[in-house]
PDB file of all heavy atoms in Angstrom:
ATOM      1  N   GLN A   1       0.222  73.597 -37.511  1.00  0.00           N
ATOM      2  CA  GLN A   1       1.473  72.989 -37.052  1.00  0.00           C
ATOM      3  C   GLN A   1       1.893  73.563 -35.695  1.00  0.00           C
ATOM      4  O   GLN A   1       2.364  72.827 -34.823  1.00  0.00           O
ATOM      5  CB  GLN A   1       2.573  73.188 -38.085  1.00  0.00           C
ATOM      6  CG  GLN A   1       2.353  72.384 -39.343  1.00  0.00           C
ATOM      7  CD  GLN A   1       3.343  72.704 -40.449  1.00  0.00           C
ATOM      8  OE1 GLN A   1       3.963  73.767 -40.470  1.00  0.00           O
ATOM      9  NE2 GLN A   1       3.493  71.785 -41.390  1.00  0.00           N
ATOM     10  N   GLY A   2       1.714  74.864 -35.520  1.00  0.00           N
ATOM     11  CA  GLY A   2       2.055  75.508 -34.254  1.00  0.00           C
ATOM     12  C   GLY A   2       1.223  74.970 -33.105  1.00  0.00           C
ATOM     13  O   GLY A   2       1.740  74.687 -32.016  1.00  0.00           O
ATOM     14  N   PHE A   3      -0.072  74.797 -33.333  1.00  0.00           N
ATOM     15  CA  PHE A   3      -0.931  74.265 -32.277  1.00  0.00           C
ATOM     16  C   PHE A   3      -0.641  72.789 -32.009  1.00  0.00           C
ATOM     17  O   PHE A   3      -0.774  72.328 -30.876  1.00  0.00           O
ATOM     18  CB  PHE A   3      -2.405  74.515 -32.577  1.00  0.00           C
ATOM     19  CG  PHE A   3      -2.849  75.856 -32.080  1.00  0.00           C
ATOM     20  CD1 PHE A   3      -2.751  76.977 -32.874  1.00  0.00           C
ATOM     21  CD2 PHE A   3      -3.330  76.005 -30.792  1.00  0.00           C
ATOM     22  CE1 PHE A   3      -3.127  78.225 -32.416  1.00  0.00           C
ATOM     23  CE2 PHE A   3      -3.708  77.252 -30.314  1.00  0.00           C
ATOM     24  CZ  PHE A   3      -3.614  78.365 -31.124  1.00  0.00           C
ATOM     25  N   GLU A   4      -0.231  72.053 -33.020  1.00  0.00           N
ATOM     26  CA  GLU A   4       0.166  70.663 -32.784  1.00  0.00           C
ATOM     27  C   GLU A   4       1.409  70.625 -31.884  1.00  0.00           C
ATOM     28  O   GLU A   4       1.485  69.808 -30.960  1.00  0.00           O
ATOM     29  CB  GLU A   4       0.434  69.939 -34.102  1.00  0.00           C
ATOM     30  CG  GLU A   4       0.870  68.504 -33.929  1.00  0.00           C
ATOM     31  CD  GLU A   4      -0.116  67.646 -33.132  1.00  0.00           C
ATOM     32  OE1 GLU A   4      -1.343  67.889 -33.187  1.00  0.00           O
ATOM     33  OE2 GLU A   4       0.350  66.726 -32.419  1.00  0.00           O
ATOM     34  N   LEU A   5       2.360  71.507 -32.124  1.00  0.00           N
ATOM     35  CA  LEU A   5       3.542  71.578 -31.263  1.00  0.00           C
ATOM     36  C   LEU A   5       3.152  71.969 -29.835  1.00  0.00           C
ATOM     37  O   LEU A   5       3.674  71.417 -28.862  1.00  0.00           O
ATOM     38  CB  LEU A   5       4.556  72.579 -31.829  1.00  0.00           C
ATOM     39  CG  LEU A   5       5.229  72.173 -33.143  1.00  0.00           C
ATOM     40  CD1 LEU A   5       6.028  73.329 -33.711  1.00  0.00           C
ATOM     41  CD2 LEU A   5       6.109  70.951 -32.934  1.00  0.00           C
ATOM     42  N   ARG A   6       2.226  72.920 -29.708  1.00  0.00           N
ATOM     43  CA  ARG A   6       1.760  73.333 -28.379  1.00  0.00           C
ATOM     44  C   ARG A   6       1.094  72.158 -27.667  1.00  0.00           C
ATOM     45  O   ARG A   6       1.310  71.940 -26.470  1.00  0.00           O
ATOM     46  CB  ARG A   6       0.793  74.514 -28.502  1.00  0.00           C
ATOM     47  CG  ARG A   6       1.468  75.815 -28.932  1.00  0.00           C
ATOM     48  CD  ARG A   6       0.468  76.895 -29.306  1.00  0.00           C
ATOM     49  NE  ARG A   6      -0.296  77.388 -28.177  1.00  0.00           N
ATOM     50  CZ  ARG A   6       0.040  78.456 -27.443  1.00  0.00           C
ATOM     51  NH1 ARG A   6       1.128  79.143 -27.731  1.00  0.00           N
ATOM     52  NH2 ARG A   6      -0.724  78.838 -26.447  1.00  0.00           N
ATOM     53  N   ARG A   7       0.299  71.354 -28.390  1.00  0.00           N
ATOM     54  CA  ARG A   7      -0.352  70.181 -27.793  1.00  0.00           C
ATOM     55  C   ARG A   7       0.685  69.167 -27.314  1.00  0.00           C
ATOM     56  O   ARG A   7       0.552  68.580 -26.246  1.00  0.00           O
ATOM     57  CB  ARG A   7      -1.296  69.527 -28.801  1.00  0.00           C
ATOM     58  CG  ARG A   7      -2.555  70.288 -29.016  1.00  0.00           C
ATOM     59  CD  ARG A   7      -3.510  69.545 -29.961  1.00  0.00           C
ATOM     60  NE  ARG A   7      -4.562  70.441 -30.367  1.00  0.00           N
ATOM     61  CZ  ARG A   7      -4.677  70.987 -31.561  1.00  0.00           C
ATOM     62  NH1 ARG A   7      -3.813  70.683 -32.522  1.00  0.00           N
ATOM     63  NH2 ARG A   7      -5.653  71.829 -31.833  1.00  0.00           N
ATOM     64  N   GLN A   8       1.703  68.952 -28.143  1.00  0.00           N
ATOM     65  CA  GLN A   8       2.768  68.021 -27.760  1.00  0.00           C
ATOM     66  C   GLN A   8       3.472  68.508 -26.495  1.00  0.00           C
ATOM     67  O   GLN A   8       3.771  67.707 -25.603  1.00  0.00           O
ATOM     68  CB  GLN A   8       3.762  67.854 -28.897  1.00  0.00           C
ATOM     69  CG  GLN A   8       3.218  67.115 -30.087  1.00  0.00           C
ATOM     70  CD  GLN A   8       4.159  67.125 -31.273  1.00  0.00           C
ATOM     71  OE1 GLN A   8       5.334  67.476 -31.158  1.00  0.00           O
ATOM     72  NE2 GLN A   8       3.653  66.755 -32.433  1.00  0.00           N
ATOM     73  N   ASP A   9       3.726  69.805 -26.422  1.00  0.00           N
ATOM     74  CA  ASP A   9       4.389  70.362 -25.237  1.00  0.00           C
ATOM     75  C   ASP A   9       3.543  70.156 -23.984  1.00  0.00           C
ATOM     76  O   ASP A   9       4.071  69.813 -22.920  1.00  0.00           O
ATOM     77  CB  ASP A   9       4.670  71.861 -25.425  1.00  0.00           C
ATOM     78  CG  ASP A   9       5.765  72.131 -26.439  1.00  0.00           C
ATOM     79  OD1 ASP A   9       6.500  71.188 -26.816  1.00  0.00           O
ATOM     80  OD2 ASP A   9       5.884  73.294 -26.868  1.00  0.00           O
ATOM     81  N   VAL A  10       2.233  70.351 -24.099  1.00  0.00           N
ATOM     82  CA  VAL A  10       1.336  70.143 -22.960  1.00  0.00           C
ATOM     83  C   VAL A  10       1.393  68.683 -22.527  1.00  0.00           C
ATOM     84  O   VAL A  10       1.484  68.383 -21.329  1.00  0.00           O
ATOM     85  CB  VAL A  10      -0.111  70.572 -23.311  1.00  0.00           C
ATOM     86  CG1 VAL A  10      -1.102  70.088 -22.268  1.00  0.00           C
ATOM     87  CG2 VAL A  10      -0.196  72.084 -23.461  1.00  0.00           C
ATOM     88  N   ALA A  11       1.350  67.783 -23.479  1.00  0.00           N
ATOM     89  CA  ALA A  11       1.380  66.348 -23.154  1.00  0.00           C
ATOM     90  C   ALA A  11       2.707  65.963 -22.498  1.00  0.00           C
ATOM     91  O   ALA A  11       2.724  65.219 -21.510  1.00  0.00           O
ATOM     92  CB  ALA A  11       1.143  65.521 -24.419  1.00  0.00           C
ATOM     93  N   ILE A  12       3.798  66.468 -23.022  1.00  0.00           N
ATOM     94  CA  ILE A  12       5.117  66.177 -22.459  1.00  0.00           C
ATOM     95  C   ILE A  12       5.215  66.728 -21.040  1.00  0.00           C
ATOM     96  O   ILE A  12       5.712  66.057 -20.129  1.00  0.00           O
ATOM     97  CB  ILE A  12       6.235  66.747 -23.360  1.00  0.00           C
ATOM     98  CG1 ILE A  12       6.303  65.956 -24.665  1.00  0.00           C
ATOM     99  CG2 ILE A  12       7.583  66.729 -22.648  1.00  0.00           C
ATOM    100  CD1 ILE A  12       7.144  66.614 -25.750  1.00  0.00           C
ATOM    101  N   ALA A  13       4.725  67.942 -20.836  1.00  0.00           N
ATOM    102  CA  ALA A  13       4.761  68.551 -19.504  1.00  0.00           C
ATOM    103  C   ALA A  13       3.933  67.727 -18.517  1.00  0.00           C
ATOM    104  O   ALA A  13       4.364  67.498 -17.376  1.00  0.00           O
ATOM    105  CB  ALA A  13       4.251  69.991 -19.565  1.00  0.00           C
ATOM    106  N   ARG A  14       2.750  67.275 -18.934  1.00  0.00           N
ATOM    107  CA  ARG A  14       1.908  66.458 -18.047  1.00  0.00           C
ATOM    108  C   ARG A  14       2.615  65.170 -17.643  1.00  0.00           C
ATOM    109  O   ARG A  14       2.576  64.758 -16.481  1.00  0.00           O
ATOM    110  CB  ARG A  14       0.594  66.116 -18.738  1.00  0.00           C
ATOM    111  CG  ARG A  14      -0.429  67.180 -18.613  1.00  0.00           C
ATOM    112  CD  ARG A  14      -1.812  66.591 -18.919  1.00  0.00           C
ATOM    113  NE  ARG A  14      -2.691  67.679 -19.282  1.00  0.00           N
ATOM    114  CZ  ARG A  14      -3.313  67.795 -20.433  1.00  0.00           C
ATOM    115  NH1 ARG A  14      -3.186  66.879 -21.357  1.00  0.00           N
ATOM    116  NH2 ARG A  14      -4.081  68.825 -20.681  1.00  0.00           N
ATOM    117  N   LEU A  15       3.245  64.505 -18.604  1.00  0.00           N
ATOM    118  CA  LEU A  15       3.958  63.258 -18.302  1.00  0.00           C
ATOM    119  C   LEU A  15       5.113  63.500 -17.341  1.00  0.00           C
ATOM    120  O   LEU A  15       5.312  62.737 -16.391  1.00  0.00           O
ATOM    121  CB  LEU A  15       4.466  62.612 -19.598  1.00  0.00           C
ATOM    122  CG  LEU A  15       3.404  62.001 -20.504  1.00  0.00           C
ATOM    123  CD1 LEU A  15       4.023  61.541 -21.821  1.00  0.00           C
ATOM    124  CD2 LEU A  15       2.717  60.836 -19.796  1.00  0.00           C
ATOM    125  N   ALA A  16       5.872  64.573 -17.579  1.00  0.00           N
ATOM    126  CA  ALA A  16       7.001  64.890 -16.703  1.00  0.00           C
ATOM    127  C   ALA A  16       6.524  65.222 -15.288  1.00  0.00           C
ATOM    128  O   ALA A  16       7.124  64.788 -14.299  1.00  0.00           O
ATOM    129  CB  ALA A  16       7.810  66.046 -17.281  1.00  0.00           C
ATOM    130  N   GLN A  17       5.439  65.972 -15.173  1.00  0.00           N
ATOM    131  CA  GLN A  17       4.910  66.336 -13.864  1.00  0.00           C
ATOM    132  C   GLN A  17       4.371  65.108 -13.131  1.00  0.00           C
ATOM    133  O   GLN A  17       4.565  64.963 -11.921  1.00  0.00           O
ATOM    134  CB  GLN A  17       3.828  67.409 -14.016  1.00  0.00           C
ATOM    135  CG  GLN A  17       4.402  68.728 -14.472  1.00  0.00           C
ATOM    136  CD  GLN A  17       3.363  69.691 -15.011  1.00  0.00           C
ATOM    137  OE1 GLN A  17       2.172  69.392 -15.036  1.00  0.00           O
ATOM    138  NE2 GLN A  17       3.814  70.853 -15.468  1.00  0.00           N
ATOM    139  N   ALA A  18       3.706  64.207 -13.847  1.00  0.00           N
ATOM    140  CA  ALA A  18       3.205  62.979 -13.234  1.00  0.00           C
ATOM    141  C   ALA A  18       4.359  62.108 -12.747  1.00  0.00           C
ATOM    142  O   ALA A  18       4.302  61.528 -11.658  1.00  0.00           O
ATOM    143  CB  ALA A  18       2.331  62.208 -14.225  1.00  0.00           C
ATOM    144  N   LYS A  19       5.405  62.036 -13.554  1.00  0.00           N
ATOM    145  CA  LYS A  19       6.581  61.254 -13.175  1.00  0.00           C
ATOM    146  C   LYS A  19       7.235  61.845 -11.928  1.00  0.00           C
ATOM    147  O   LYS A  19       7.634  61.119 -11.011  1.00  0.00           O
ATOM    148  CB  LYS A  19       7.572  61.233 -14.341  1.00  0.00           C
ATOM    149  CG  LYS A  19       8.716  60.286 -14.181  1.00  0.00           C
ATOM    150  CD  LYS A  19       9.544  60.255 -15.462  1.00  0.00           C
ATOM    151  CE  LYS A  19      10.646  59.254 -15.421  1.00  0.00           C
ATOM    152  NZ  LYS A  19      11.398  59.226 -16.697  1.00  0.00           N
ATOM    153  N   ALA A  20       7.321  63.164 -11.856  1.00  0.00           N
ATOM    154  CA  ALA A  20       7.889  63.828 -10.683  1.00  0.00           C
ATOM    155  C   ALA A  20       7.037  63.545  -9.449  1.00  0.00           C
ATOM    156  O   ALA A  20       7.577  63.292  -8.360  1.00  0.00           O
ATOM    157  CB  ALA A  20       8.002  65.331 -10.921  1.00  0.00           C
ATOM    158  N   GLU A  21       5.712  63.559  -9.601  1.00  0.00           N
ATOM    159  CA  GLU A  21       4.823  63.246  -8.473  1.00  0.00           C
ATOM    160  C   GLU A  21       5.036  61.812  -7.994  1.00  0.00           C
ATOM    161  O   GLU A  21       5.039  61.542  -6.792  1.00  0.00           O
ATOM    162  CB  GLU A  21       3.360  63.474  -8.853  1.00  0.00           C
ATOM    163  CG  GLU A  21       2.943  64.917  -8.843  1.00  0.00           C
ATOM    164  CD  GLU A  21       3.131  65.589  -7.488  1.00  0.00           C
ATOM    165  OE1 GLU A  21       2.805  64.990  -6.448  1.00  0.00           O
ATOM    166  OE2 GLU A  21       3.620  66.738  -7.482  1.00  0.00           O
ATOM    167  N   GLN A  22       5.204  60.886  -8.930  1.00  0.00           N
ATOM    168  CA  GLN A  22       5.465  59.491  -8.563  1.00  0.00           C
ATOM    169  C   GLN A  22       6.785  59.365  -7.808  1.00  0.00           C
ATOM    170  O   GLN A  22       6.881  58.620  -6.828  1.00  0.00           O
ATOM    171  CB  GLN A  22       5.477  58.605  -9.803  1.00  0.00           C
ATOM    172  CG  GLN A  22       4.113  58.434 -10.432  1.00  0.00           C
ATOM    173  CD  GLN A  22       4.171  57.682 -11.748  1.00  0.00           C
ATOM    174  OE1 GLN A  22       5.231  57.512 -12.341  1.00  0.00           O
ATOM    175  NE2 GLN A  22       3.018  57.242 -12.218  1.00  0.00           N
ATOM    176  N   LEU A  23       7.797  60.093  -8.249  1.00  0.00           N
ATOM    177  CA  LEU A  23       9.093  60.070  -7.577  1.00  0.00           C
ATOM    178  C   LEU A  23       8.977  60.656  -6.167  1.00  0.00           C
ATOM    179  O   LEU A  23       9.533  60.115  -5.207  1.00  0.00           O
ATOM    180  CB  LEU A  23      10.132  60.829  -8.399  1.00  0.00           C
ATOM    181  CG  LEU A  23      11.550  60.886  -7.805  1.00  0.00           C
ATOM    182  CD1 LEU A  23      12.113  59.484  -7.598  1.00  0.00           C
ATOM    183  CD2 LEU A  23      12.455  61.717  -8.699  1.00  0.00           C
ATOM    184  N   ILE A  24       8.237  61.751  -6.033  1.00  0.00           N
ATOM    185  CA  ILE A  24       8.018  62.361  -4.714  1.00  0.00           C
ATOM    186  C   ILE A  24       7.344  61.364  -3.783  1.00  0.00           C
ATOM    187  O   ILE A  24       7.753  61.200  -2.625  1.00  0.00           O
ATOM    188  CB  ILE A  24       7.190  63.661  -4.854  1.00  0.00           C
ATOM    189  CG1 ILE A  24       8.043  64.746  -5.497  1.00  0.00           C
ATOM    190  CG2 ILE A  24       6.644  64.122  -3.510  1.00  0.00           C
ATOM    191  CD1 ILE A  24       7.252  65.949  -5.990  1.00  0.00           C
ATOM    192  N   THR A  25       6.329  60.673  -4.283  1.00  0.00           N
ATOM    193  CA  THR A  25       5.635  59.673  -3.479  1.00  0.00           C
ATOM    194  C   THR A  25       6.566  58.509  -3.145  1.00  0.00           C
ATOM    195  O   THR A  25       6.630  58.069  -1.988  1.00  0.00           O
ATOM    196  CB  THR A  25       4.389  59.155  -4.228  1.00  0.00           C
ATOM    197  OG1 THR A  25       3.526  60.265  -4.477  1.00  0.00           O
ATOM    198  CG2 THR A  25       3.653  58.102  -3.427  1.00  0.00           C
ATOM    199  N   PHE A  26       7.308  58.030  -4.123  1.00  0.00           N
ATOM    200  CA  PHE A  26       8.237  56.924  -3.912  1.00  0.00           C
ATOM    201  C   PHE A  26       9.275  57.265  -2.844  1.00  0.00           C
ATOM    202  O   PHE A  26       9.587  56.453  -1.978  1.00  0.00           O
ATOM    203  CB  PHE A  26       8.936  56.564  -5.232  1.00  0.00           C
ATOM    204  CG  PHE A  26       9.967  55.486  -5.082  1.00  0.00           C
ATOM    205  CD1 PHE A  26       9.571  54.153  -5.017  1.00  0.00           C
ATOM    206  CD2 PHE A  26      11.311  55.794  -5.020  1.00  0.00           C
ATOM    207  CE1 PHE A  26      10.518  53.153  -4.877  1.00  0.00           C
ATOM    208  CE2 PHE A  26      12.258  54.794  -4.879  1.00  0.00           C
ATOM    209  CZ  PHE A  26      11.866  53.465  -4.802  1.00  0.00           C
ATOM    210  N   LEU A  27       9.799  58.475  -2.909  1.00  0.00           N
ATOM    211  CA  LEU A  27      10.817  58.902  -1.947  1.00  0.00           C
ATOM    212  C   LEU A  27      10.201  59.385  -0.639  1.00  0.00           C
ATOM    213  O   LEU A  27      10.921  59.751   0.280  1.00  0.00           O
ATOM    214  CB  LEU A  27      11.685  60.009  -2.559  1.00  0.00           C
ATOM    215  CG  LEU A  27      12.501  59.605  -3.784  1.00  0.00           C
ATOM    216  CD1 LEU A  27      13.189  60.822  -4.391  1.00  0.00           C
ATOM    217  CD2 LEU A  27      13.520  58.526  -3.422  1.00  0.00           C
ATOM    218  N   ASP A  28       8.869  59.398  -0.588  1.00  0.00           N
ATOM    219  CA  ASP A  28       8.126  59.837   0.594  1.00  0.00           C
ATOM    220  C   ASP A  28       8.486  61.267   0.975  1.00  0.00           C
ATOM    221  O   ASP A  28       8.572  61.616   2.146  1.00  0.00           O
ATOM    222  CB  ASP A  28       8.369  58.884   1.766  1.00  0.00           C
ATOM    223  CG  ASP A  28       7.278  58.994   2.809  1.00  0.00           C
ATOM    224  OD1 ASP A  28       6.142  59.352   2.447  1.00  0.00           O
ATOM    225  OD2 ASP A  28       7.573  58.722   3.992  1.00  0.00           O
ATOM    226  N   LEU A  29       8.697  62.090  -0.042  1.00  0.00           N
ATOM    227  CA  LEU A  29       9.072  63.488   0.202  1.00  0.00           C
ATOM    228  C   LEU A  29       7.872  64.366   0.508  1.00  0.00           C
ATOM    229  O   LEU A  29       8.039  65.452   1.052  1.00  0.00           O
ATOM    230  CB  LEU A  29       9.832  64.056  -1.005  1.00  0.00           C
ATOM    231  CG  LEU A  29      11.171  63.404  -1.306  1.00  0.00           C
ATOM    232  CD1 LEU A  29      11.769  64.002  -2.576  1.00  0.00           C
ATOM    233  CD2 LEU A  29      12.130  63.558  -0.138  1.00  0.00           C
ATOM    234  N   ASP A  30       6.689  63.909   0.159  1.00  0.00           N
ATOM    235  CA  ASP A  30       5.523  64.747   0.423  1.00  0.00           C
ATOM    236  C   ASP A  30       5.216  64.831   1.912  1.00  0.00           C
ATOM    237  O   ASP A  30       4.488  65.699   2.363  1.00  0.00           O
ATOM    238  CB  ASP A  30       4.300  64.267  -0.351  1.00  0.00           C
ATOM    239  CG  ASP A  30       3.969  62.798  -0.109  1.00  0.00           C
ATOM    240  OD1 ASP A  30       4.758  62.095   0.545  1.00  0.00           O
ATOM    241  OD2 ASP A  30       2.895  62.376  -0.578  1.00  0.00           O
ATOM    242  N   GLN A  31       5.818  63.957   2.703  1.00  0.00           N
ATOM    243  CA  GLN A  31       5.626  63.970   4.156  1.00  0.00           C
ATOM    244  C   GLN A  31       6.663  64.825   4.869  1.00  0.00           C
ATOM    245  O   GLN A  31       6.463  65.224   6.003  1.00  0.00           O
ATOM    246  CB  GLN A  31       5.709  62.538   4.702  1.00  0.00           C
ATOM    247  CG  GLN A  31       4.734  61.586   4.073  1.00  0.00           C
ATOM    248  CD  GLN A  31       3.290  61.980   4.313  1.00  0.00           C
ATOM    249  OE1 GLN A  31       2.957  62.504   5.369  1.00  0.00           O
ATOM    250  NE2 GLN A  31       2.427  61.752   3.326  1.00  0.00           N
ATOM    251  N   GLU A  32       7.776  65.084   4.201  1.00  0.00           N
ATOM    252  CA  GLU A  32       8.884  65.802   4.839  1.00  0.00           C
ATOM    253  C   GLU A  32       8.649  67.304   4.800  1.00  0.00           C
ATOM    254  O   GLU A  32       7.997  67.828   3.915  1.00  0.00           O
ATOM    255  CB  GLU A  32      10.205  65.484   4.141  1.00  0.00           C
ATOM    256  CG  GLU A  32      10.620  64.044   4.289  1.00  0.00           C
ATOM    257  CD  GLU A  32      11.942  63.758   3.605  1.00  0.00           C
ATOM    258  OE1 GLU A  32      12.678  64.707   3.292  1.00  0.00           O
ATOM    259  OE2 GLU A  32      12.228  62.577   3.391  1.00  0.00           O
ATOM    260  N   GLN A  33       9.233  67.961   5.760  1.00  0.00           N
ATOM    261  CA  GLN A  33       9.239  69.434   5.782  1.00  0.00           C
ATOM    262  C   GLN A  33      10.339  69.908   4.840  1.00  0.00           C
ATOM    263  O   GLN A  33      11.422  69.306   4.811  1.00  0.00           O
ATOM    264  CB  GLN A  33       9.531  69.932   7.210  1.00  0.00           C
ATOM    265  CG  GLN A  33       8.499  69.544   8.219  1.00  0.00           C
ATOM    266  CD  GLN A  33       7.280  70.442   8.132  1.00  0.00           C
ATOM    267  OE1 GLN A  33       7.373  71.545   7.637  1.00  0.00           O
ATOM    268  NE2 GLN A  33       6.157  69.945   8.617  1.00  0.00           N
ATOM    269  N   THR A  34      10.071  70.956   4.111  1.00  0.00           N
ATOM    270  CA  THR A  34      11.116  71.534   3.267  1.00  0.00           C
ATOM    271  C   THR A  34      11.956  72.470   4.116  1.00  0.00           C
ATOM    272  O   THR A  34      11.420  73.215   4.939  1.00  0.00           O
ATOM    273  CB  THR A  34      10.513  72.307   2.064  1.00  0.00           C
ATOM    274  OG1 THR A  34       9.601  73.256   2.554  1.00  0.00           O
ATOM    275  CG2 THR A  34       9.836  71.361   1.106  1.00  0.00           C
TER     276      THR A  34
END
């Protein structure tokens, strides 16, 4: 059960990170200087 929860967390993190990357691309922030 613990490893199933860990797997779910990894999957959720991947989806959130991919969504953030899409937002960065959409907002064209990867071209801007921080």
